[in-house]
Amino acid sequence: MRALPGVVDVVLDGERAVVKVVRGEEGLPAVISALIRDGVSVRRVEMKKPSLEEVFLSLTGRRLRDENGVKEEITRRNIAIRRARS
């Protein structure tokens, strides 16, 4: 299924599969067709756009409100600003 256009990730969890697709509304029909072609019984389909928090976490590895990450980032920026001024 990962070979399908737009499929970014596939996670199998028991009888459940979570498929991350770029532009899900376009990629969903191909995913469902591939599952049915492979003999998988599709009982339910749910499409959800990621929240800003989920996107940030996937890109940075930390949460938007991660106190330690925020403090570290502020410290790094302050050091960079001081160096630039010197």
N, C-alpha and C. Protein backbone atom coordinates (compact mmCIF):
# COMPACT_ATOMS: atom_id res chain seq x y z
N MET A 1 0.81 -1.19 0.00
CA MET A 1 0.00 0.00 0.00
C MET A 1 0.86 1.26 0.00
N ARG A 2 2.07 1.15 0.59
CA ARG A 2 2.96 2.33 0.62
C ARG A 2 3.38 2.76 -0.79
N ALA A 3 3.21 1.88 -1.76
CA ALA A 3 3.59 2.21 -3.13
C ALA A 3 2.53 3.07 -3.82
N LEU A 4 1.38 3.20 -3.22
CA LEU A 4 0.32 4.01 -3.83
C LEU A 4 0.70 5.49 -3.80
N PRO A 5 0.37 6.23 -4.84
CA PRO A 5 0.68 7.66 -4.86
C PRO A 5 0.03 8.39 -3.69
N GLY A 6 0.81 9.20 -3.01
CA GLY A 6 0.31 10.01 -1.92
C GLY A 6 0.33 9.36 -0.55
N VAL A 7 0.56 8.03 -0.49
CA VAL A 7 0.60 7.35 0.81
C VAL A 7 1.92 7.66 1.49
N VAL A 8 1.84 8.23 2.69
CA VAL A 8 3.01 8.65 3.43
C VAL A 8 3.42 7.62 4.48
N ASP A 9 2.41 7.01 5.14
CA ASP A 9 2.70 6.07 6.22
C ASP A 9 1.54 5.12 6.39
N VAL A 10 1.84 3.90 6.82
CA VAL A 10 0.82 2.89 7.12
C VAL A 10 1.17 2.27 8.46
N VAL A 11 0.23 2.30 9.39
CA VAL A 11 0.43 1.70 10.71
C VAL A 11 -0.68 0.68 10.93
N LEU A 12 -0.29 -0.58 11.17
CA LEU A 12 -1.27 -1.63 11.44
C LEU A 12 -1.38 -1.81 12.94
N ASP A 13 -2.62 -1.83 13.43
CA ASP A 13 -2.89 -1.95 14.86
C ASP A 13 -4.02 -2.97 15.03
N GLY A 14 -3.65 -4.24 15.14
CA GLY A 14 -4.67 -5.29 15.25
C GLY A 14 -5.44 -5.39 13.95
N GLU A 15 -6.74 -5.18 14.03
CA GLU A 15 -7.59 -5.23 12.83
C GLU A 15 -7.76 -3.85 12.20
N ARG A 16 -7.03 -2.89 12.69
CA ARG A 16 -7.18 -1.51 12.23
C ARG A 16 -5.92 -1.07 11.49
N ALA A 17 -6.11 -0.35 10.42
CA ALA A 17 -4.98 0.22 9.68
C ALA A 17 -5.16 1.74 9.63
N VAL A 18 -4.09 2.45 9.98
CA VAL A 18 -4.10 3.91 9.87
C VAL A 18 -3.19 4.27 8.72
N VAL A 19 -3.76 4.89 7.71
CA VAL A 19 -3.01 5.23 6.50
C VAL A 19 -2.95 6.74 6.39
N LYS A 20 -1.73 7.27 6.39
CA LYS A 20 -1.55 8.72 6.22
C LYS A 20 -1.32 8.99 4.74
N VAL A 21 -2.14 9.88 4.21
CA VAL A 21 -2.13 10.17 2.78
C VAL A 21 -2.10 11.67 2.56
N VAL A 22 -1.28 12.10 1.63
CA VAL A 22 -1.29 13.51 1.22
C VAL A 22 -2.56 13.71 0.40
N ARG A 23 -3.32 14.74 0.71
CA ARG A 23 -4.59 15.01 0.04
C ARG A 23 -5.49 13.76 0.06
N GLY A 24 -5.94 13.42 1.26
CA GLY A 24 -6.73 12.22 1.49
C GLY A 24 -7.96 12.09 0.62
N GLU A 25 -8.62 13.21 0.34
CA GLU A 25 -9.82 13.14 -0.48
C GLU A 25 -9.51 12.64 -1.90
N GLU A 26 -8.28 12.83 -2.35
CA GLU A 26 -7.88 12.32 -3.66
C GLU A 26 -7.32 10.89 -3.57
N GLY A 27 -6.60 10.59 -2.48
CA GLY A 27 -5.95 9.30 -2.36
C GLY A 27 -6.80 8.19 -1.77
N LEU A 28 -7.87 8.56 -1.06
CA LEU A 28 -8.70 7.58 -0.38
C LEU A 28 -9.30 6.52 -1.31
N PRO A 29 -9.85 6.88 -2.47
CA PRO A 29 -10.40 5.84 -3.34
C PRO A 29 -9.36 4.77 -3.74
N ALA A 30 -8.13 5.19 -4.02
CA ALA A 30 -7.09 4.23 -4.40
C ALA A 30 -6.73 3.32 -3.23
N VAL A 31 -6.70 3.87 -2.02
CA VAL A 31 -6.39 3.07 -0.83
C VAL A 31 -7.47 2.03 -0.61
N ILE A 32 -8.74 2.43 -0.69
CA ILE A 32 -9.84 1.49 -0.50
C ILE A 32 -9.82 0.41 -1.58
N SER A 33 -9.59 0.81 -2.82
CA SER A 33 -9.53 -0.17 -3.91
C SER A 33 -8.41 -1.17 -3.69
N ALA A 34 -7.25 -0.71 -3.25
CA ALA A 34 -6.11 -1.60 -3.01
C ALA A 34 -6.43 -2.59 -1.88
N LEU A 35 -7.08 -2.11 -0.82
CA LEU A 35 -7.45 -2.99 0.29
C LEU A 35 -8.42 -4.07 -0.17
N ILE A 36 -9.44 -3.68 -0.90
CA ILE A 36 -10.44 -4.64 -1.40
C ILE A 36 -9.79 -5.63 -2.36
N ARG A 37 -8.92 -5.14 -3.22
CA ARG A 37 -8.21 -6.00 -4.18
C ARG A 37 -7.35 -7.05 -3.46
N ASP A 38 -6.81 -6.65 -2.29
CA ASP A 38 -5.98 -7.57 -1.50
C ASP A 38 -6.81 -8.45 -0.57
N GLY A 39 -8.13 -8.38 -0.68
CA GLY A 39 -9.00 -9.25 0.10
C GLY A 39 -9.30 -8.76 1.50
N VAL A 40 -9.03 -7.50 1.76
CA VAL A 40 -9.30 -6.93 3.08
C VAL A 40 -10.74 -6.46 3.13
N SER A 41 -11.43 -6.81 4.20
CA SER A 41 -12.81 -6.38 4.39
C SER A 41 -12.79 -4.98 5.01
N VAL A 42 -13.26 -4.01 4.27
CA VAL A 42 -13.29 -2.62 4.76
C VAL A 42 -14.67 -2.40 5.39
N ARG A 43 -14.67 -2.22 6.71
CA ARG A 43 -15.94 -2.04 7.42
C ARG A 43 -16.21 -0.58 7.74
N ARG A 44 -15.17 0.18 7.89
CA ARG A 44 -15.36 1.59 8.27
C ARG A 44 -14.19 2.41 7.74
N VAL A 45 -14.48 3.59 7.27
CA VAL A 45 -13.45 4.52 6.78
C VAL A 45 -13.67 5.85 7.48
N GLU A 46 -12.59 6.40 7.98
CA GLU A 46 -12.66 7.70 8.64
C GLU A 46 -11.55 8.57 8.08
N MET A 47 -11.87 9.78 7.71
CA MET A 47 -10.87 10.69 7.18
C MET A 47 -10.78 11.88 8.13
N LYS A 48 -9.54 12.21 8.52
CA LYS A 48 -9.33 13.29 9.48
C LYS A 48 -8.12 14.11 9.05
N LYS A 49 -8.30 15.40 8.99
CA LYS A 49 -7.16 16.28 8.72
C LYS A 49 -6.38 16.47 10.01
N PRO A 50 -5.05 16.50 9.93
CA PRO A 50 -4.26 16.66 11.15
C PRO A 50 -4.42 18.06 11.73
N SER A 51 -4.35 18.12 13.05
CA SER A 51 -4.41 19.42 13.73
C SER A 51 -3.06 20.10 13.60
N LEU A 52 -3.02 21.37 13.91
CA LEU A 52 -1.75 22.11 13.91
C LEU A 52 -0.77 21.46 14.87
N GLU A 53 -1.26 21.02 16.03
CA GLU A 53 -0.42 20.34 17.03
C GLU A 53 0.20 19.07 16.44
N GLU A 54 -0.59 18.26 15.73
CA GLU A 54 -0.09 17.01 15.14
C GLU A 54 0.96 17.28 14.07
N VAL A 55 0.74 18.29 13.25
CA VAL A 55 1.71 18.64 12.20
C VAL A 55 3.00 19.12 12.84
N PHE A 56 2.91 19.99 13.83
CA PHE A 56 4.09 20.52 14.52
C PHE A 56 4.88 19.38 15.16
N LEU A 57 4.18 18.46 15.84
CA LEU A 57 4.83 17.33 16.49
C LEU A 57 5.54 16.44 15.48
N SER A 58 4.92 16.18 14.33
CA SER A 58 5.55 15.33 13.33
C SER A 58 6.78 15.99 12.70
N LEU A 59 6.77 17.32 12.60
CA LEU A 59 7.90 18.02 12.00
C LEU A 59 9.06 18.28 12.97
N THR A 60 8.72 18.54 14.24
CA THR A 60 9.75 18.93 15.20
C THR A 60 10.06 17.88 16.25
N GLY A 61 9.15 16.93 16.44
CA GLY A 61 9.34 15.92 17.47
C GLY A 61 8.95 16.39 18.86
N ARG A 62 8.36 17.57 18.95
CA ARG A 62 7.90 18.06 20.25
C ARG A 62 6.56 18.76 20.08
N ARG A 63 5.87 18.91 21.19
CA ARG A 63 4.55 19.52 21.18
C ARG A 63 4.67 21.05 21.14
N LEU A 64 3.63 21.70 20.69
CA LEU A 64 3.63 23.16 20.64
C LEU A 64 3.84 23.77 22.02
N ARG A 65 3.28 23.16 23.04
CA ARG A 65 3.35 23.70 24.39
C ARG A 65 4.43 23.03 25.23
N ASP A 66 5.40 22.41 24.59
CA ASP A 66 6.48 21.72 25.30
C ASP A 66 7.35 22.76 25.99
N GLU A 67 7.21 22.87 27.29
CA GLU A 67 7.92 23.90 28.07
C GLU A 67 9.43 23.82 27.86
N ASN A 68 10.01 22.62 27.98
CA ASN A 68 11.46 22.49 27.83
C ASN A 68 11.91 22.88 26.43
N GLY A 69 11.16 22.43 25.43
CA GLY A 69 11.52 22.76 24.05
C GLY A 69 11.45 24.25 23.79
N VAL A 70 10.44 24.90 24.33
CA VAL A 70 10.28 26.35 24.15
C VAL A 70 11.44 27.09 24.83
N LYS A 71 11.77 26.69 26.06
CA LYS A 71 12.85 27.36 26.77
C LYS A 71 14.18 27.17 26.05
N GLU A 72 14.42 25.95 25.56
CA GLU A 72 15.66 25.68 24.83
C GLU A 72 15.72 26.51 23.55
N GLU A 73 14.61 26.61 22.86
CA GLU A 73 14.57 27.39 21.61
C GLU A 73 14.82 28.87 21.90
N ILE A 74 14.23 29.40 22.94
CA ILE A 74 14.43 30.81 23.31
C ILE A 74 15.90 31.05 23.67
N THR A 75 16.49 30.14 24.43
CA THR A 75 17.90 30.26 24.80
C THR A 75 18.77 30.26 23.55
N ARG A 76 18.52 29.34 22.62
CA ARG A 76 19.31 29.27 21.37
C ARG A 76 19.18 30.57 20.58
N ARG A 77 17.98 31.09 20.49
CA ARG A 77 17.77 32.34 19.74
C ARG A 77 18.48 33.51 20.41
N ASN A 78 18.40 33.58 21.73
CA ASN A 78 19.06 34.67 22.45
C ASN A 78 20.58 34.61 22.25
N ILE A 79 21.14 33.42 22.30
CA ILE A 79 22.58 33.26 22.08
C ILE A 79 22.95 33.69 20.66
N ALA A 80 22.14 33.29 19.69
CA ALA A 80 22.41 33.66 18.30
C ALA A 80 22.32 35.16 18.11
N ILE A 81 21.35 35.81 18.77
CA ILE A 81 21.20 37.26 18.66
C ILE A 81 22.41 37.96 19.27
N ARG A 82 22.86 37.48 20.45
CA ARG A 82 24.02 38.09 21.11
C ARG A 82 25.27 37.95 20.24
N ARG A 83 25.44 36.77 19.66
CA ARG A 83 26.61 36.56 18.77
C ARG A 83 26.57 37.45 17.55
N ALA A 84 25.37 37.64 17.00
CA ALA A 84 25.23 38.48 15.82
C ALA A 84 25.54 39.94 16.13
N ARG A 85 25.23 40.37 17.34
CA ARG A 85 25.47 41.76 17.74
C ARG A 85 26.94 42.01 18.06
N SER A 86 27.68 40.96 18.39
CA SER A 86 29.09 41.12 18.78
C SER A 86 29.98 41.38 17.61
